[in-house]
Amino acid sequence: MRVDVFYRGMSERQRAWVNVGGVVLFVMPLCGYLFFEALEYVHSSWAIREVSRDTGGLPYPAIPLLKSMLLLMPLAVLLQGMSIILGAADKLGRR
């Protein structure tokens, strides 16, 4: 999440604030949007017990499990964002 154009003349404390702002303003809303948009899509796949249309294709749980990854990805990115915030909080706590 480095933004070298802004980072050049900043102190470590200011860089930590930029990181926190970037996560809160960009990462968190994007993860929330992706998660809630994928929720109905994944739910319907499980509800209809979706299978591959091709003969000899993937059996029942494969397609819904693959689509469930659409829910795990924003959660993993959100966890990384929280990690960035905690690292920045550590830098902000130091004087």
N, C-alpha and C. Protein backbone atom coordinates (compact mmCIF):
# COMPACT_ATOMS: atom_id res chain seq x y z
N MET A 1 0.83 -1.18 0.00
CA MET A 1 0.00 0.00 0.00
C MET A 1 0.88 1.25 0.00
N ARG A 2 2.03 1.16 -0.56
CA ARG A 2 2.94 2.30 -0.61
C ARG A 2 2.51 3.28 -1.67
N VAL A 3 2.49 4.53 -1.30
CA VAL A 3 2.18 5.59 -2.24
C VAL A 3 3.39 6.52 -2.20
N ASP A 4 4.40 6.17 -3.00
CA ASP A 4 5.68 6.86 -2.90
C ASP A 4 5.60 8.35 -3.21
N VAL A 5 4.67 8.76 -4.03
CA VAL A 5 4.54 10.19 -4.33
C VAL A 5 4.23 10.96 -3.06
N PHE A 6 3.36 10.41 -2.22
CA PHE A 6 2.99 11.09 -0.97
C PHE A 6 4.02 10.84 0.13
N TYR A 7 4.67 9.70 0.08
CA TYR A 7 5.56 9.28 1.16
C TYR A 7 6.88 10.03 1.21
N ARG A 8 7.30 10.61 0.13
CA ARG A 8 8.65 11.20 0.06
C ARG A 8 9.00 12.10 1.23
N GLY A 9 8.17 13.08 1.48
CA GLY A 9 8.50 14.06 2.52
C GLY A 9 7.81 13.82 3.84
N MET A 10 7.28 12.62 4.06
CA MET A 10 6.51 12.36 5.28
C MET A 10 7.35 11.65 6.32
N SER A 11 6.96 11.92 7.55
CA SER A 11 7.58 11.18 8.66
C SER A 11 6.91 9.80 8.76
N GLU A 12 7.49 8.95 9.60
CA GLU A 12 6.93 7.60 9.79
C GLU A 12 5.51 7.68 10.34
N ARG A 13 5.27 8.62 11.19
CA ARG A 13 3.93 8.82 11.79
C ARG A 13 2.91 9.23 10.73
N GLN A 14 3.29 10.14 9.85
CA GLN A 14 2.39 10.57 8.78
C GLN A 14 2.11 9.43 7.80
N ARG A 15 3.12 8.62 7.53
CA ARG A 15 2.93 7.46 6.65
C ARG A 15 1.94 6.47 7.26
N ALA A 16 2.01 6.30 8.58
CA ALA A 16 1.07 5.41 9.26
C ALA A 16 -0.36 5.93 9.10
N TRP A 17 -0.54 7.23 9.20
CA TRP A 17 -1.89 7.81 9.00
C TRP A 17 -2.38 7.61 7.58
N VAL A 18 -1.50 7.72 6.60
CA VAL A 18 -1.89 7.47 5.21
C VAL A 18 -2.32 6.01 5.04
N ASN A 19 -1.60 5.10 5.66
CA ASN A 19 -1.97 3.68 5.57
C ASN A 19 -3.33 3.43 6.20
N VAL A 20 -3.56 3.99 7.37
CA VAL A 20 -4.86 3.81 8.03
C VAL A 20 -5.97 4.40 7.17
N GLY A 21 -5.75 5.59 6.66
CA GLY A 21 -6.76 6.24 5.81
C GLY A 21 -7.05 5.43 4.55
N GLY A 22 -6.01 4.88 3.94
CA GLY A 22 -6.20 4.08 2.74
C GLY A 22 -7.02 2.83 3.00
N VAL A 23 -6.73 2.17 4.11
CA VAL A 23 -7.49 0.96 4.45
C VAL A 23 -8.93 1.30 4.77
N VAL A 24 -9.14 2.33 5.58
CA VAL A 24 -10.50 2.68 6.00
C VAL A 24 -11.33 3.22 4.83
N LEU A 25 -10.73 4.05 3.98
CA LEU A 25 -11.49 4.68 2.89
C LEU A 25 -11.64 3.80 1.65
N PHE A 26 -10.68 2.91 1.39
CA PHE A 26 -10.71 2.15 0.14
C PHE A 26 -10.89 0.64 0.35
N VAL A 27 -10.08 0.04 1.20
CA VAL A 27 -10.09 -1.42 1.34
C VAL A 27 -11.36 -1.91 2.01
N MET A 28 -11.73 -1.33 3.14
CA MET A 28 -12.90 -1.81 3.87
C MET A 28 -14.20 -1.68 3.08
N PRO A 29 -14.49 -0.53 2.47
CA PRO A 29 -15.72 -0.45 1.68
C PRO A 29 -15.73 -1.41 0.49
N LEU A 30 -14.60 -1.58 -0.17
CA LEU A 30 -14.53 -2.50 -1.30
C LEU A 30 -14.78 -3.94 -0.85
N CYS A 31 -14.19 -4.35 0.27
CA CYS A 31 -14.40 -5.70 0.78
C CYS A 31 -15.86 -5.91 1.18
N GLY A 32 -16.46 -4.93 1.81
CA GLY A 32 -17.87 -5.04 2.17
C GLY A 32 -18.75 -5.16 0.94
N TYR A 33 -18.49 -4.35 -0.05
CA TYR A 33 -19.27 -4.40 -1.30
C TYR A 33 -19.13 -5.76 -1.98
N LEU A 34 -17.91 -6.24 -2.13
CA LEU A 34 -17.69 -7.53 -2.79
C LEU A 34 -18.34 -8.67 -2.02
N PHE A 35 -18.24 -8.64 -0.70
CA PHE A 35 -18.83 -9.71 0.10
C PHE A 35 -20.35 -9.73 -0.06
N PHE A 36 -20.99 -8.59 0.08
CA PHE A 36 -22.46 -8.57 0.03
C PHE A 36 -23.00 -8.78 -1.37
N GLU A 37 -22.26 -8.41 -2.39
CA GLU A 37 -22.68 -8.70 -3.76
C GLU A 37 -22.57 -10.19 -4.06
N ALA A 38 -21.57 -10.85 -3.52
CA ALA A 38 -21.36 -12.27 -3.79
C ALA A 38 -22.26 -13.15 -2.93
N LEU A 39 -22.79 -12.63 -1.84
CA LEU A 39 -23.55 -13.43 -0.89
C LEU A 39 -24.76 -14.11 -1.54
N GLU A 40 -25.58 -13.38 -2.25
CA GLU A 40 -26.76 -13.96 -2.88
C GLU A 40 -26.37 -14.94 -3.98
N TYR A 41 -25.33 -14.61 -4.71
CA TYR A 41 -24.83 -15.47 -5.78
C TYR A 41 -24.41 -16.83 -5.23
N VAL A 42 -23.66 -16.82 -4.15
CA VAL A 42 -23.20 -18.05 -3.52
C VAL A 42 -24.36 -18.80 -2.87
N HIS A 43 -25.23 -18.07 -2.20
CA HIS A 43 -26.39 -18.69 -1.55
C HIS A 43 -27.26 -19.42 -2.56
N SER A 44 -27.53 -18.81 -3.69
CA SER A 44 -28.38 -19.47 -4.69
C SER A 44 -27.69 -20.71 -5.27
N SER A 45 -26.37 -20.68 -5.39
CA SER A 45 -25.65 -21.85 -5.88
C SER A 45 -25.81 -23.03 -4.92
N TRP A 46 -25.75 -22.78 -3.63
CA TRP A 46 -25.96 -23.84 -2.65
C TRP A 46 -27.43 -24.26 -2.62
N ALA A 47 -28.35 -23.31 -2.74
CA ALA A 47 -29.77 -23.62 -2.64
C ALA A 47 -30.26 -24.53 -3.77
N ILE A 48 -29.76 -24.30 -4.98
CA ILE A 48 -30.21 -25.13 -6.11
C ILE A 48 -29.33 -26.35 -6.32
N ARG A 49 -28.35 -26.53 -5.44
CA ARG A 49 -27.41 -27.66 -5.55
C ARG A 49 -26.80 -27.71 -6.95
N GLU A 50 -26.19 -26.59 -7.32
CA GLU A 50 -25.66 -26.40 -8.67
C GLU A 50 -24.59 -27.43 -9.04
N VAL A 51 -24.71 -27.95 -10.25
CA VAL A 51 -23.71 -28.88 -10.79
C VAL A 51 -23.29 -28.37 -12.17
N SER A 52 -22.24 -28.95 -12.68
CA SER A 52 -21.75 -28.59 -14.00
C SER A 52 -22.75 -29.02 -15.07
N ARG A 53 -22.94 -28.21 -16.10
CA ARG A 53 -23.85 -28.55 -17.19
C ARG A 53 -23.23 -29.56 -18.15
N ASP A 54 -21.93 -29.65 -18.15
CA ASP A 54 -21.24 -30.57 -19.05
C ASP A 54 -21.38 -32.01 -18.59
N THR A 55 -21.50 -32.91 -19.53
CA THR A 55 -21.54 -34.33 -19.21
C THR A 55 -20.21 -34.74 -18.58
N GLY A 56 -20.29 -35.39 -17.44
CA GLY A 56 -19.07 -35.78 -16.73
C GLY A 56 -18.37 -34.62 -16.07
N GLY A 57 -19.08 -33.50 -15.89
CA GLY A 57 -18.48 -32.31 -15.28
C GLY A 57 -18.33 -32.47 -13.77
N LEU A 58 -18.14 -31.36 -13.12
CA LEU A 58 -17.92 -31.37 -11.68
C LEU A 58 -19.19 -31.82 -10.94
N PRO A 59 -19.04 -32.66 -9.92
CA PRO A 59 -20.20 -33.12 -9.15
C PRO A 59 -20.71 -32.03 -8.20
N TYR A 60 -21.78 -32.33 -7.48
CA TYR A 60 -22.51 -31.33 -6.69
C TYR A 60 -21.70 -30.39 -5.83
N PRO A 61 -20.96 -30.80 -4.87
CA PRO A 61 -20.44 -29.73 -4.01
C PRO A 61 -19.34 -28.89 -4.63
N ALA A 62 -18.81 -29.28 -5.77
CA ALA A 62 -17.66 -28.57 -6.33
C ALA A 62 -17.99 -27.14 -6.75
N ILE A 63 -19.06 -26.94 -7.50
CA ILE A 63 -19.39 -25.60 -8.00
C ILE A 63 -19.72 -24.65 -6.84
N PRO A 64 -20.61 -25.04 -5.91
CA PRO A 64 -20.87 -24.12 -4.79
C PRO A 64 -19.64 -23.85 -3.93
N LEU A 65 -18.77 -24.85 -3.77
CA LEU A 65 -17.55 -24.62 -2.99
C LEU A 65 -16.64 -23.61 -3.69
N LEU A 66 -16.52 -23.74 -5.01
CA LEU A 66 -15.70 -22.78 -5.75
C LEU A 66 -16.29 -21.38 -5.67
N LYS A 67 -17.61 -21.28 -5.76
CA LYS A 67 -18.24 -19.96 -5.66
C LYS A 67 -18.13 -19.39 -4.25
N SER A 68 -18.02 -20.26 -3.27
CA SER A 68 -17.86 -19.79 -1.89
C SER A 68 -16.54 -19.06 -1.69
N MET A 69 -15.58 -19.33 -2.56
CA MET A 69 -14.31 -18.61 -2.51
C MET A 69 -14.52 -17.11 -2.73
N LEU A 70 -15.61 -16.75 -3.40
CA LEU A 70 -15.93 -15.34 -3.61
C LEU A 70 -16.22 -14.64 -2.29
N LEU A 71 -16.61 -15.38 -1.28
CA LEU A 71 -16.84 -14.80 0.05
C LEU A 71 -15.55 -14.78 0.87
N LEU A 72 -14.69 -15.75 0.63
CA LEU A 72 -13.45 -15.81 1.41
C LEU A 72 -12.43 -14.76 0.98
N MET A 73 -12.42 -14.43 -0.30
CA MET A 73 -11.43 -13.46 -0.79
C MET A 73 -11.58 -12.09 -0.11
N PRO A 74 -12.78 -11.48 -0.07
CA PRO A 74 -12.85 -10.18 0.60
C PRO A 74 -12.54 -10.28 2.09
N LEU A 75 -12.86 -11.42 2.72
CA LEU A 75 -12.53 -11.58 4.13
C LEU A 75 -11.01 -11.64 4.34
N ALA A 76 -10.31 -12.31 3.44
CA ALA A 76 -8.85 -12.38 3.54
C ALA A 76 -8.22 -11.00 3.31
N VAL A 77 -8.73 -10.26 2.36
CA VAL A 77 -8.21 -8.91 2.10
C VAL A 77 -8.52 -7.99 3.29
N LEU A 78 -9.70 -8.16 3.89
CA LEU A 78 -10.05 -7.37 5.07
C LEU A 78 -9.11 -7.68 6.23
N LEU A 79 -8.77 -8.94 6.41
CA LEU A 79 -7.81 -9.31 7.46
C LEU A 79 -6.45 -8.67 7.21
N GLN A 80 -6.03 -8.62 5.95
CA GLN A 80 -4.76 -7.96 5.63
C GLN A 80 -4.85 -6.47 5.92
N GLY A 81 -5.99 -5.87 5.63
CA GLY A 81 -6.19 -4.46 5.95
C GLY A 81 -6.12 -4.21 7.44
N MET A 82 -6.70 -5.12 8.22
CA MET A 82 -6.63 -4.99 9.68
C MET A 82 -5.18 -5.12 10.16
N SER A 83 -4.43 -5.98 9.50
CA SER A 83 -3.01 -6.14 9.83
C SER A 83 -2.25 -4.83 9.57
N ILE A 84 -2.57 -4.19 8.47
CA ILE A 84 -1.93 -2.90 8.15
C ILE A 84 -2.29 -1.85 9.18
N ILE A 85 -3.57 -1.83 9.59
CA ILE A 85 -4.00 -0.87 10.61
C ILE A 85 -3.29 -1.12 11.93
N LEU A 86 -3.16 -2.39 12.33
CA LEU A 86 -2.48 -2.70 13.59
C LEU A 86 -0.99 -2.32 13.52
N GLY A 87 -0.37 -2.54 12.38
CA GLY A 87 1.02 -2.11 12.22
C GLY A 87 1.16 -0.60 12.29
N ALA A 88 0.21 0.10 11.70
CA ALA A 88 0.22 1.56 11.75
C ALA A 88 -0.05 2.05 13.17
N ALA A 89 -0.95 1.36 13.88
CA ALA A 89 -1.25 1.75 15.26
C ALA A 89 -0.02 1.60 16.15
N ASP A 90 0.78 0.59 15.87
CA ASP A 90 2.02 0.40 16.61
C ASP A 90 2.96 1.58 16.38
N LYS A 91 3.04 2.03 15.13
CA LYS A 91 3.90 3.17 14.82
C LYS A 91 3.35 4.46 15.40
N LEU A 92 2.02 4.59 15.43
CA LEU A 92 1.41 5.80 15.98
C LEU A 92 1.52 5.84 17.51
N GLY A 93 1.60 4.67 18.14
CA GLY A 93 1.72 4.60 19.58
C GLY A 93 3.10 4.98 20.09
N ARG A 94 4.09 4.80 19.23
CA ARG A 94 5.47 5.17 19.60
C ARG A 94 5.64 6.67 19.48
N ARG A 95 6.47 7.23 20.29
CA ARG A 95 6.73 8.68 20.22
C ARG A 95 8.17 8.95 19.97
